[in-house]
N, C-alpha and C. Protein backbone atom coordinates (compact mmCIF):
# COMPACT_ATOMS: atom_id res chain seq x y z
N UNK A 1 -30.69 -333.15 -202.93
CA UNK A 1 -29.54 -332.64 -202.21
C UNK A 1 -30.01 -331.50 -201.31
N UNK A 2 -29.55 -331.55 -200.09
CA UNK A 2 -29.97 -330.57 -199.09
C UNK A 2 -29.22 -329.26 -199.29
N UNK A 3 -29.93 -328.16 -199.13
CA UNK A 3 -29.28 -326.86 -199.27
C UNK A 3 -28.34 -326.60 -198.09
N UNK A 4 -27.41 -325.72 -198.30
CA UNK A 4 -26.45 -325.37 -197.24
C UNK A 4 -27.18 -324.80 -196.04
N UNK A 5 -28.20 -324.00 -196.26
CA UNK A 5 -28.98 -323.43 -195.16
C UNK A 5 -29.64 -324.50 -194.32
N UNK A 6 -30.23 -325.50 -194.98
CA UNK A 6 -30.86 -326.61 -194.24
C UNK A 6 -29.82 -327.41 -193.47
N UNK A 7 -28.67 -327.63 -194.08
CA UNK A 7 -27.60 -328.37 -193.39
C UNK A 7 -27.16 -327.63 -192.13
N UNK A 8 -27.01 -326.32 -192.24
CA UNK A 8 -26.60 -325.52 -191.07
C UNK A 8 -27.66 -325.55 -189.99
N UNK A 9 -28.95 -325.41 -190.38
CA UNK A 9 -30.03 -325.46 -189.39
C UNK A 9 -30.07 -326.83 -188.71
N UNK A 10 -29.89 -327.89 -189.49
CA UNK A 10 -29.91 -329.24 -188.94
C UNK A 10 -28.77 -329.43 -187.94
N UNK A 11 -27.58 -328.97 -188.30
CA UNK A 11 -26.43 -329.09 -187.38
C UNK A 11 -26.66 -328.29 -186.11
N UNK A 12 -27.15 -327.07 -186.24
CA UNK A 12 -27.39 -326.23 -185.06
C UNK A 12 -28.44 -326.86 -184.17
N UNK A 13 -29.51 -327.42 -184.77
CA UNK A 13 -30.57 -328.04 -183.99
C UNK A 13 -30.06 -329.28 -183.25
N UNK A 14 -29.23 -330.09 -183.93
CA UNK A 14 -28.75 -331.32 -183.31
C UNK A 14 -27.74 -331.05 -182.20
N UNK A 15 -27.18 -329.84 -182.18
CA UNK A 15 -26.22 -329.50 -181.13
C UNK A 15 -26.83 -328.69 -180.01
N UNK A 16 -28.12 -328.42 -180.08
CA UNK A 16 -28.78 -327.63 -179.05
C UNK A 16 -28.70 -328.37 -177.72
N UNK A 17 -28.29 -327.66 -176.71
CA UNK A 17 -28.16 -328.28 -175.39
C UNK A 17 -29.29 -327.86 -174.48
N UNK A 18 -29.25 -328.37 -173.26
CA UNK A 18 -30.23 -327.99 -172.26
C UNK A 18 -31.64 -328.37 -172.67
N UNK A 19 -32.60 -327.53 -172.30
CA UNK A 19 -34.01 -327.81 -172.59
C UNK A 19 -34.29 -327.86 -174.09
N UNK A 20 -33.44 -327.21 -174.88
CA UNK A 20 -33.63 -327.19 -176.32
C UNK A 20 -33.07 -328.40 -177.04
N UNK A 21 -32.49 -329.33 -176.33
CA UNK A 21 -31.91 -330.50 -176.95
C UNK A 21 -33.03 -331.40 -177.48
N UNK A 22 -33.09 -331.60 -178.78
CA UNK A 22 -34.16 -332.42 -179.34
C UNK A 22 -34.11 -333.87 -178.85
N UNK A 23 -32.94 -334.33 -178.47
CA UNK A 23 -32.82 -335.71 -177.99
C UNK A 23 -33.55 -335.91 -176.67
N UNK A 24 -33.65 -334.85 -175.87
CA UNK A 24 -34.41 -334.95 -174.62
C UNK A 24 -35.89 -335.18 -174.93
N UNK A 25 -36.41 -334.49 -175.92
CA UNK A 25 -37.80 -334.68 -176.33
C UNK A 25 -37.99 -336.08 -176.91
N UNK A 26 -37.05 -336.52 -177.73
CA UNK A 26 -37.12 -337.87 -178.30
C UNK A 26 -37.13 -338.91 -177.18
N UNK A 27 -36.30 -338.72 -176.18
CA UNK A 27 -36.22 -339.66 -175.06
C UNK A 27 -37.55 -339.72 -174.32
N UNK A 28 -38.14 -338.55 -174.05
CA UNK A 28 -39.43 -338.53 -173.34
C UNK A 28 -40.52 -339.23 -174.15
N UNK A 29 -40.54 -338.97 -175.45
CA UNK A 29 -41.54 -339.62 -176.31
C UNK A 29 -41.30 -341.13 -176.36
N UNK A 30 -40.06 -341.53 -176.46
CA UNK A 30 -39.75 -342.96 -176.48
C UNK A 30 -40.17 -343.64 -175.18
N UNK A 31 -39.96 -342.95 -174.05
CA UNK A 31 -40.39 -343.52 -172.77
C UNK A 31 -41.91 -343.67 -172.73
N UNK A 32 -42.63 -342.68 -173.24
CA UNK A 32 -44.09 -342.77 -173.28
C UNK A 32 -44.55 -343.96 -174.11
N UNK A 33 -43.81 -344.25 -175.18
CA UNK A 33 -44.15 -345.37 -176.05
C UNK A 33 -43.55 -346.69 -175.56
N UNK A 34 -42.87 -346.63 -174.43
CA UNK A 34 -42.21 -347.80 -173.84
C UNK A 34 -41.13 -348.39 -174.76
N UNK A 35 -40.52 -347.52 -175.56
CA UNK A 35 -39.40 -347.91 -176.42
C UNK A 35 -38.11 -347.57 -175.69
N UNK A 36 -37.75 -348.44 -174.75
CA UNK A 36 -36.61 -348.16 -173.87
C UNK A 36 -35.28 -348.12 -174.61
N UNK A 37 -35.13 -348.92 -175.65
CA UNK A 37 -33.88 -348.89 -176.40
C UNK A 37 -33.70 -347.53 -177.09
N UNK A 38 -34.78 -347.01 -177.67
CA UNK A 38 -34.71 -345.69 -178.32
C UNK A 38 -34.48 -344.61 -177.27
N UNK A 39 -35.14 -344.72 -176.14
CA UNK A 39 -34.95 -343.73 -175.07
C UNK A 39 -33.50 -343.75 -174.59
N UNK A 40 -32.94 -344.94 -174.46
CA UNK A 40 -31.54 -345.05 -174.02
C UNK A 40 -30.61 -344.35 -175.01
N UNK A 41 -30.81 -344.60 -176.29
CA UNK A 41 -29.96 -343.94 -177.30
C UNK A 41 -30.13 -342.43 -177.24
N UNK A 42 -31.35 -341.97 -177.03
CA UNK A 42 -31.60 -340.52 -176.97
C UNK A 42 -30.94 -339.91 -175.74
N UNK A 43 -31.03 -340.57 -174.59
CA UNK A 43 -30.37 -340.04 -173.39
C UNK A 43 -28.85 -340.04 -173.55
N UNK A 44 -28.32 -341.05 -174.22
CA UNK A 44 -26.88 -341.06 -174.50
C UNK A 44 -26.50 -339.86 -175.37
N UNK A 45 -27.35 -339.54 -176.33
CA UNK A 45 -27.10 -338.38 -177.20
C UNK A 45 -27.20 -337.08 -176.41
N UNK A 46 -28.15 -337.01 -175.49
CA UNK A 46 -28.26 -335.82 -174.63
C UNK A 46 -26.97 -335.63 -173.85
N UNK A 47 -26.48 -336.71 -173.27
CA UNK A 47 -25.28 -336.63 -172.43
C UNK A 47 -24.01 -336.38 -173.24
N UNK A 48 -24.03 -336.75 -174.50
CA UNK A 48 -22.89 -336.45 -175.36
C UNK A 48 -22.75 -334.94 -175.54
N UNK A 49 -23.90 -334.26 -175.67
CA UNK A 49 -23.90 -332.81 -175.83
C UNK A 49 -23.77 -332.07 -174.50
N UNK A 50 -24.37 -332.64 -173.46
CA UNK A 50 -24.37 -331.99 -172.15
C UNK A 50 -24.05 -333.03 -171.07
N UNK A 51 -22.76 -333.30 -170.85
CA UNK A 51 -22.37 -334.34 -169.90
C UNK A 51 -22.75 -334.05 -168.45
N UNK A 52 -23.24 -332.85 -168.18
CA UNK A 52 -23.61 -332.53 -166.80
C UNK A 52 -25.11 -332.61 -166.57
N UNK A 53 -25.88 -333.14 -167.50
CA UNK A 53 -27.33 -333.26 -167.37
C UNK A 53 -27.63 -334.45 -166.45
N UNK A 54 -27.80 -334.16 -165.18
CA UNK A 54 -27.97 -335.22 -164.18
C UNK A 54 -29.30 -335.96 -164.37
N UNK A 55 -30.34 -335.27 -164.80
CA UNK A 55 -31.62 -335.95 -165.01
C UNK A 55 -31.51 -336.98 -166.13
N UNK A 56 -30.85 -336.61 -167.22
CA UNK A 56 -30.65 -337.55 -168.32
C UNK A 56 -29.77 -338.73 -167.86
N UNK A 57 -28.76 -338.44 -167.06
CA UNK A 57 -27.88 -339.51 -166.56
C UNK A 57 -28.65 -340.48 -165.66
N UNK A 58 -29.54 -339.94 -164.82
CA UNK A 58 -30.35 -340.81 -163.95
C UNK A 58 -31.31 -341.66 -164.77
N UNK A 59 -31.95 -341.04 -165.76
CA UNK A 59 -32.87 -341.78 -166.62
C UNK A 59 -32.13 -342.88 -167.36
N UNK A 60 -30.97 -342.54 -167.89
CA UNK A 60 -30.16 -343.53 -168.61
C UNK A 60 -29.77 -344.67 -167.69
N UNK A 61 -29.34 -344.35 -166.48
CA UNK A 61 -28.94 -345.39 -165.52
C UNK A 61 -30.10 -346.32 -165.20
N UNK A 62 -31.29 -345.76 -165.04
CA UNK A 62 -32.43 -346.62 -164.73
C UNK A 62 -32.79 -347.52 -165.91
N UNK A 63 -32.61 -347.02 -167.13
CA UNK A 63 -32.87 -347.85 -168.31
C UNK A 63 -31.83 -348.96 -168.46
N UNK A 64 -30.58 -348.64 -168.17
CA UNK A 64 -29.50 -349.62 -168.28
C UNK A 64 -29.64 -350.69 -167.20
N UNK A 65 -30.07 -350.29 -166.01
CA UNK A 65 -30.14 -351.21 -164.87
C UNK A 65 -31.08 -352.39 -165.13
N UNK A 66 -32.15 -352.18 -165.87
CA UNK A 66 -33.11 -353.27 -166.09
C UNK A 66 -32.59 -354.31 -167.09
N UNK A 67 -31.48 -354.03 -167.73
CA UNK A 67 -30.92 -354.97 -168.71
C UNK A 67 -30.03 -356.03 -168.08
N UNK A 68 -29.83 -355.96 -166.78
CA UNK A 68 -29.03 -356.94 -166.05
C UNK A 68 -27.60 -357.08 -166.58
N UNK A 69 -27.02 -355.97 -166.98
CA UNK A 69 -25.63 -355.92 -167.39
C UNK A 69 -24.90 -355.13 -166.30
N UNK A 70 -24.28 -355.86 -165.37
CA UNK A 70 -23.68 -355.21 -164.20
C UNK A 70 -22.64 -354.16 -164.56
N UNK A 71 -21.80 -354.46 -165.54
CA UNK A 71 -20.74 -353.50 -165.91
C UNK A 71 -21.34 -352.21 -166.46
N UNK A 72 -22.33 -352.33 -167.33
CA UNK A 72 -22.97 -351.14 -167.90
C UNK A 72 -23.75 -350.38 -166.83
N UNK A 73 -24.39 -351.12 -165.94
CA UNK A 73 -25.15 -350.48 -164.86
C UNK A 73 -24.22 -349.72 -163.94
N UNK A 74 -23.11 -350.34 -163.57
CA UNK A 74 -22.14 -349.67 -162.70
C UNK A 74 -21.60 -348.41 -163.37
N UNK A 75 -21.28 -348.50 -164.65
CA UNK A 75 -20.77 -347.34 -165.37
C UNK A 75 -21.81 -346.22 -165.43
N UNK A 76 -23.06 -346.59 -165.65
CA UNK A 76 -24.13 -345.59 -165.74
C UNK A 76 -24.33 -344.88 -164.40
N UNK A 77 -24.33 -345.64 -163.30
CA UNK A 77 -24.52 -345.01 -161.99
C UNK A 77 -23.26 -344.26 -161.55
N UNK A 78 -22.09 -344.72 -161.99
CA UNK A 78 -20.86 -343.97 -161.71
C UNK A 78 -20.90 -342.61 -162.41
N UNK A 79 -21.51 -342.56 -163.58
CA UNK A 79 -21.67 -341.30 -164.29
C UNK A 79 -22.57 -340.36 -163.48
N UNK A 80 -23.65 -340.91 -162.91
CA UNK A 80 -24.54 -340.09 -162.08
C UNK A 80 -23.77 -339.53 -160.89
N UNK A 81 -22.99 -340.39 -160.24
CA UNK A 81 -22.20 -339.96 -159.08
C UNK A 81 -21.19 -338.88 -159.48
N UNK A 82 -20.64 -339.01 -160.67
CA UNK A 82 -19.69 -338.00 -161.15
C UNK A 82 -20.34 -336.64 -161.33
N UNK A 83 -21.62 -336.63 -161.67
CA UNK A 83 -22.34 -335.38 -161.85
C UNK A 83 -22.89 -334.87 -160.53
N UNK A 84 -23.45 -335.80 -159.74
CA UNK A 84 -24.07 -335.44 -158.45
C UNK A 84 -23.46 -336.30 -157.35
N UNK A 85 -22.39 -335.83 -156.72
CA UNK A 85 -21.73 -336.63 -155.68
C UNK A 85 -22.57 -336.82 -154.42
N UNK A 86 -23.72 -336.16 -154.34
CA UNK A 86 -24.58 -336.29 -153.17
C UNK A 86 -25.74 -337.26 -153.41
N UNK A 87 -25.67 -338.04 -154.47
CA UNK A 87 -26.70 -339.02 -154.79
C UNK A 87 -26.37 -340.32 -154.07
N UNK A 88 -26.92 -340.46 -152.88
CA UNK A 88 -26.60 -341.61 -152.03
C UNK A 88 -27.00 -342.94 -152.66
N UNK A 89 -28.15 -342.98 -153.31
CA UNK A 89 -28.60 -344.26 -153.88
C UNK A 89 -27.70 -344.71 -155.02
N UNK A 90 -27.19 -343.78 -155.80
CA UNK A 90 -26.27 -344.16 -156.88
C UNK A 90 -24.95 -344.67 -156.32
N UNK A 91 -24.46 -344.03 -155.26
CA UNK A 91 -23.24 -344.52 -154.59
C UNK A 91 -23.47 -345.95 -154.10
N UNK A 92 -24.64 -346.20 -153.53
CA UNK A 92 -24.95 -347.53 -153.00
C UNK A 92 -24.95 -348.57 -154.12
N UNK A 93 -25.56 -348.24 -155.24
CA UNK A 93 -25.61 -349.18 -156.36
C UNK A 93 -24.20 -349.48 -156.86
N UNK A 94 -23.38 -348.44 -157.01
CA UNK A 94 -22.00 -348.64 -157.45
C UNK A 94 -21.27 -349.52 -156.44
N UNK A 95 -21.46 -349.26 -155.15
CA UNK A 95 -20.80 -350.05 -154.12
C UNK A 95 -21.22 -351.51 -154.13
N UNK A 96 -22.51 -351.76 -154.28
CA UNK A 96 -22.99 -353.15 -154.29
C UNK A 96 -22.49 -353.91 -155.52
N UNK A 97 -22.45 -353.23 -156.65
CA UNK A 97 -21.92 -353.89 -157.84
C UNK A 97 -20.42 -354.12 -157.72
N UNK A 98 -19.72 -353.19 -157.08
CA UNK A 98 -18.28 -353.37 -156.84
C UNK A 98 -18.05 -354.57 -155.91
N UNK A 99 -18.87 -354.69 -154.88
CA UNK A 99 -18.74 -355.84 -153.97
C UNK A 99 -19.00 -357.14 -154.72
N UNK A 100 -19.97 -357.12 -155.60
CA UNK A 100 -20.33 -358.32 -156.35
C UNK A 100 -19.15 -358.81 -157.18
N UNK A 101 -18.34 -357.87 -157.69
CA UNK A 101 -17.18 -358.28 -158.49
C UNK A 101 -15.88 -358.22 -157.68
N UNK A 102 -16.03 -358.12 -156.38
CA UNK A 102 -14.90 -358.21 -155.43
C UNK A 102 -13.95 -357.02 -155.51
N UNK A 103 -14.44 -355.85 -155.91
CA UNK A 103 -13.63 -354.62 -155.88
C UNK A 103 -13.95 -353.90 -154.56
N UNK A 104 -13.36 -354.41 -153.49
CA UNK A 104 -13.67 -353.92 -152.15
C UNK A 104 -13.24 -352.46 -151.95
N UNK A 105 -12.07 -352.03 -152.45
CA UNK A 105 -11.72 -350.61 -152.26
C UNK A 105 -12.76 -349.65 -152.85
N UNK A 106 -13.26 -349.95 -154.05
CA UNK A 106 -14.30 -349.11 -154.64
C UNK A 106 -15.58 -349.19 -153.83
N UNK A 107 -15.91 -350.38 -153.38
CA UNK A 107 -17.12 -350.54 -152.57
C UNK A 107 -17.03 -349.71 -151.28
N UNK A 108 -15.88 -349.76 -150.63
CA UNK A 108 -15.70 -348.98 -149.40
C UNK A 108 -15.89 -347.48 -149.66
N UNK A 109 -15.26 -346.98 -150.72
CA UNK A 109 -15.42 -345.56 -151.06
C UNK A 109 -16.87 -345.22 -151.34
N UNK A 110 -17.52 -346.09 -152.10
CA UNK A 110 -18.91 -345.83 -152.47
C UNK A 110 -19.83 -345.86 -151.26
N UNK A 111 -19.66 -346.84 -150.39
CA UNK A 111 -20.52 -346.94 -149.20
C UNK A 111 -20.27 -345.79 -148.22
N UNK A 112 -19.01 -345.39 -148.09
CA UNK A 112 -18.71 -344.24 -147.22
C UNK A 112 -19.33 -342.96 -147.80
N UNK A 113 -19.25 -342.82 -149.10
CA UNK A 113 -19.85 -341.67 -149.76
C UNK A 113 -21.37 -341.69 -149.62
N UNK A 114 -21.96 -342.86 -149.74
CA UNK A 114 -23.42 -342.98 -149.59
C UNK A 114 -23.84 -342.55 -148.20
N UNK A 115 -23.10 -342.99 -147.19
CA UNK A 115 -23.42 -342.59 -145.81
C UNK A 115 -23.26 -341.09 -145.62
N UNK A 116 -22.21 -340.53 -146.17
CA UNK A 116 -21.96 -339.10 -146.04
C UNK A 116 -23.03 -338.28 -146.76
N UNK A 117 -23.60 -338.84 -147.83
CA UNK A 117 -24.62 -338.13 -148.60
C UNK A 117 -26.00 -338.19 -147.95
N UNK A 118 -26.16 -339.01 -146.92
CA UNK A 118 -27.44 -339.07 -146.23
C UNK A 118 -28.45 -339.97 -146.91
N UNK A 119 -28.22 -341.27 -146.90
CA UNK A 119 -29.15 -342.18 -147.57
C UNK A 119 -30.50 -342.25 -146.86
N UNK A 120 -31.52 -342.65 -147.59
CA UNK A 120 -32.83 -342.82 -146.97
C UNK A 120 -32.83 -343.96 -145.98
N UNK A 121 -32.13 -345.05 -146.31
CA UNK A 121 -32.07 -346.22 -145.43
C UNK A 121 -30.68 -346.29 -144.80
N UNK A 122 -30.53 -345.59 -143.69
CA UNK A 122 -29.22 -345.53 -143.03
C UNK A 122 -28.80 -346.90 -142.48
N UNK A 123 -29.74 -347.69 -142.02
CA UNK A 123 -29.40 -349.01 -141.49
C UNK A 123 -28.77 -349.88 -142.58
N UNK A 124 -29.36 -349.88 -143.75
CA UNK A 124 -28.80 -350.66 -144.87
C UNK A 124 -27.44 -350.10 -145.27
N UNK A 125 -27.29 -348.78 -145.25
CA UNK A 125 -26.01 -348.17 -145.63
C UNK A 125 -24.91 -348.57 -144.65
N UNK A 126 -25.22 -348.57 -143.35
CA UNK A 126 -24.21 -349.00 -142.37
C UNK A 126 -23.88 -350.49 -142.56
N UNK A 127 -24.89 -351.27 -142.88
CA UNK A 127 -24.65 -352.70 -143.09
C UNK A 127 -23.81 -352.94 -144.34
N UNK A 128 -24.10 -352.20 -145.41
CA UNK A 128 -23.28 -352.31 -146.63
C UNK A 128 -21.82 -352.03 -146.30
N UNK A 129 -21.59 -350.93 -145.58
CA UNK A 129 -20.22 -350.57 -145.21
C UNK A 129 -19.61 -351.63 -144.31
N UNK A 130 -20.38 -352.15 -143.38
CA UNK A 130 -19.89 -353.20 -142.49
C UNK A 130 -19.47 -354.45 -143.25
N UNK A 131 -20.26 -354.84 -144.25
CA UNK A 131 -19.91 -356.01 -145.05
C UNK A 131 -18.63 -355.78 -145.84
N UNK A 132 -18.46 -354.58 -146.35
CA UNK A 132 -17.23 -354.26 -147.08
C UNK A 132 -16.03 -354.26 -146.14
N UNK A 133 -16.21 -353.71 -144.96
CA UNK A 133 -15.12 -353.70 -143.97
C UNK A 133 -14.73 -355.12 -143.58
N UNK A 134 -15.73 -355.97 -143.39
CA UNK A 134 -15.44 -357.36 -143.05
C UNK A 134 -14.66 -358.04 -144.18
N UNK A 135 -14.98 -357.69 -145.41
CA UNK A 135 -14.26 -358.27 -146.55
C UNK A 135 -12.78 -357.88 -146.55
N UNK A 136 -12.44 -356.76 -145.91
CA UNK A 136 -11.03 -356.36 -145.82
C UNK A 136 -10.36 -356.97 -144.60
N UNK A 137 -11.16 -357.61 -143.74
CA UNK A 137 -10.61 -358.18 -142.51
C UNK A 137 -10.75 -357.26 -141.32
N UNK A 138 -11.36 -356.11 -141.50
CA UNK A 138 -11.55 -355.15 -140.40
C UNK A 138 -12.80 -355.53 -139.61
N UNK A 139 -12.64 -356.50 -138.72
CA UNK A 139 -13.77 -357.01 -137.93
C UNK A 139 -14.31 -355.95 -136.97
N UNK A 140 -13.42 -355.15 -136.39
CA UNK A 140 -13.87 -354.11 -135.45
C UNK A 140 -14.71 -353.06 -136.17
N UNK A 141 -14.25 -352.65 -137.35
CA UNK A 141 -15.01 -351.68 -138.13
C UNK A 141 -16.35 -352.24 -138.57
N UNK A 142 -16.34 -353.50 -138.99
CA UNK A 142 -17.58 -354.16 -139.41
C UNK A 142 -18.56 -354.26 -138.24
N UNK A 143 -18.04 -354.60 -137.07
CA UNK A 143 -18.90 -354.70 -135.89
C UNK A 143 -19.50 -353.35 -135.54
N UNK A 144 -18.68 -352.32 -135.61
CA UNK A 144 -19.16 -350.97 -135.32
C UNK A 144 -20.29 -350.58 -136.27
N UNK A 145 -20.13 -350.89 -137.54
CA UNK A 145 -21.17 -350.54 -138.53
C UNK A 145 -22.44 -351.35 -138.32
N UNK A 146 -22.29 -352.62 -137.99
CA UNK A 146 -23.49 -353.43 -137.76
C UNK A 146 -24.23 -352.94 -136.51
N UNK A 147 -23.50 -352.53 -135.50
CA UNK A 147 -24.15 -351.99 -134.29
C UNK A 147 -24.84 -350.66 -134.59
N UNK A 148 -24.21 -349.83 -135.43
CA UNK A 148 -24.86 -348.58 -135.87
C UNK A 148 -26.18 -348.90 -136.57
N UNK A 149 -26.15 -349.89 -137.44
CA UNK A 149 -27.37 -350.28 -138.17
C UNK A 149 -28.44 -350.77 -137.20
N UNK A 150 -28.02 -351.57 -136.21
CA UNK A 150 -28.99 -352.12 -135.27
C UNK A 150 -29.53 -351.07 -134.30
N UNK A 151 -28.79 -350.02 -134.06
CA UNK A 151 -29.33 -348.90 -133.27
C UNK A 151 -30.48 -348.24 -134.01
N UNK A 152 -30.35 -348.14 -135.32
CA UNK A 152 -31.38 -347.51 -136.14
C UNK A 152 -32.57 -348.44 -136.31
N UNK A 153 -32.28 -349.72 -136.60
CA UNK A 153 -33.33 -350.71 -136.86
C UNK A 153 -32.98 -352.00 -136.15
N UNK A 154 -33.40 -352.14 -134.89
CA UNK A 154 -33.01 -353.30 -134.08
C UNK A 154 -33.35 -354.67 -134.67
N UNK A 155 -34.35 -354.75 -135.51
CA UNK A 155 -34.73 -356.05 -136.07
C UNK A 155 -34.24 -356.25 -137.50
N UNK A 156 -33.30 -355.43 -137.95
CA UNK A 156 -32.79 -355.52 -139.32
C UNK A 156 -31.94 -356.78 -139.44
N UNK A 157 -32.47 -357.76 -140.18
CA UNK A 157 -31.85 -359.08 -140.25
C UNK A 157 -30.45 -359.08 -140.87
N UNK A 158 -30.25 -358.28 -141.89
CA UNK A 158 -28.92 -358.24 -142.53
C UNK A 158 -27.87 -357.79 -141.54
N UNK A 159 -28.19 -356.80 -140.72
CA UNK A 159 -27.24 -356.31 -139.71
C UNK A 159 -27.04 -357.36 -138.62
N UNK A 160 -28.12 -358.05 -138.24
CA UNK A 160 -28.00 -359.12 -137.26
C UNK A 160 -27.12 -360.24 -137.79
N UNK A 161 -27.34 -360.61 -139.06
CA UNK A 161 -26.53 -361.66 -139.68
C UNK A 161 -25.05 -361.26 -139.76
N UNK A 162 -24.80 -360.01 -140.06
CA UNK A 162 -23.43 -359.51 -140.11
C UNK A 162 -22.77 -359.62 -138.74
N UNK A 163 -23.50 -359.20 -137.71
CA UNK A 163 -22.96 -359.28 -136.35
C UNK A 163 -22.67 -360.72 -135.97
N UNK A 164 -23.55 -361.65 -136.33
CA UNK A 164 -23.30 -363.07 -136.04
C UNK A 164 -22.08 -363.58 -136.80
N UNK A 165 -21.94 -363.17 -138.04
CA UNK A 165 -20.79 -363.58 -138.85
C UNK A 165 -19.50 -363.09 -138.23
N UNK A 166 -19.51 -361.86 -137.72
CA UNK A 166 -18.32 -361.28 -137.09
C UNK A 166 -17.98 -362.04 -135.82
N UNK A 167 -19.01 -362.47 -135.08
CA UNK A 167 -18.82 -363.15 -133.79
C UNK A 167 -18.31 -364.58 -133.96
N UNK A 168 -18.46 -365.16 -135.13
CA UNK A 168 -18.03 -366.56 -135.34
C UNK A 168 -16.53 -366.71 -135.27
């Protein structure tokens, strides 16, 4: 039977947040050992104690993404966006998954947010938004976005295909 002192120390240790969170160390060790399931559980535990730990949220999202579970992946990246609204790539992932399941309003918000956050690939971001706009029937908006993309990258095939689709 564990002494009361040990129980209190154990509880205090398991609730340590920030850099002192033992689950963060467990997650790093699990990643080194390529035990992604254990790392995922540890990052979830980190976020339970510190829901604003954006690094843990990003790590968790990347671990969830490789499992090909769109709903879990979208939820994980939405959590990242909730912590860091300037994470353009996470907005893009949420938007693409929303488009895949035909949630165009969410996709539009996500793609607009991605553009506002300054994505690395602005041509792709404009094309994503253009495709979502076309899905709503806004051909003029879709055309504008595809032209924006083609100004940045004139040979970008996805933007060219979008423009052709709009012209049909």
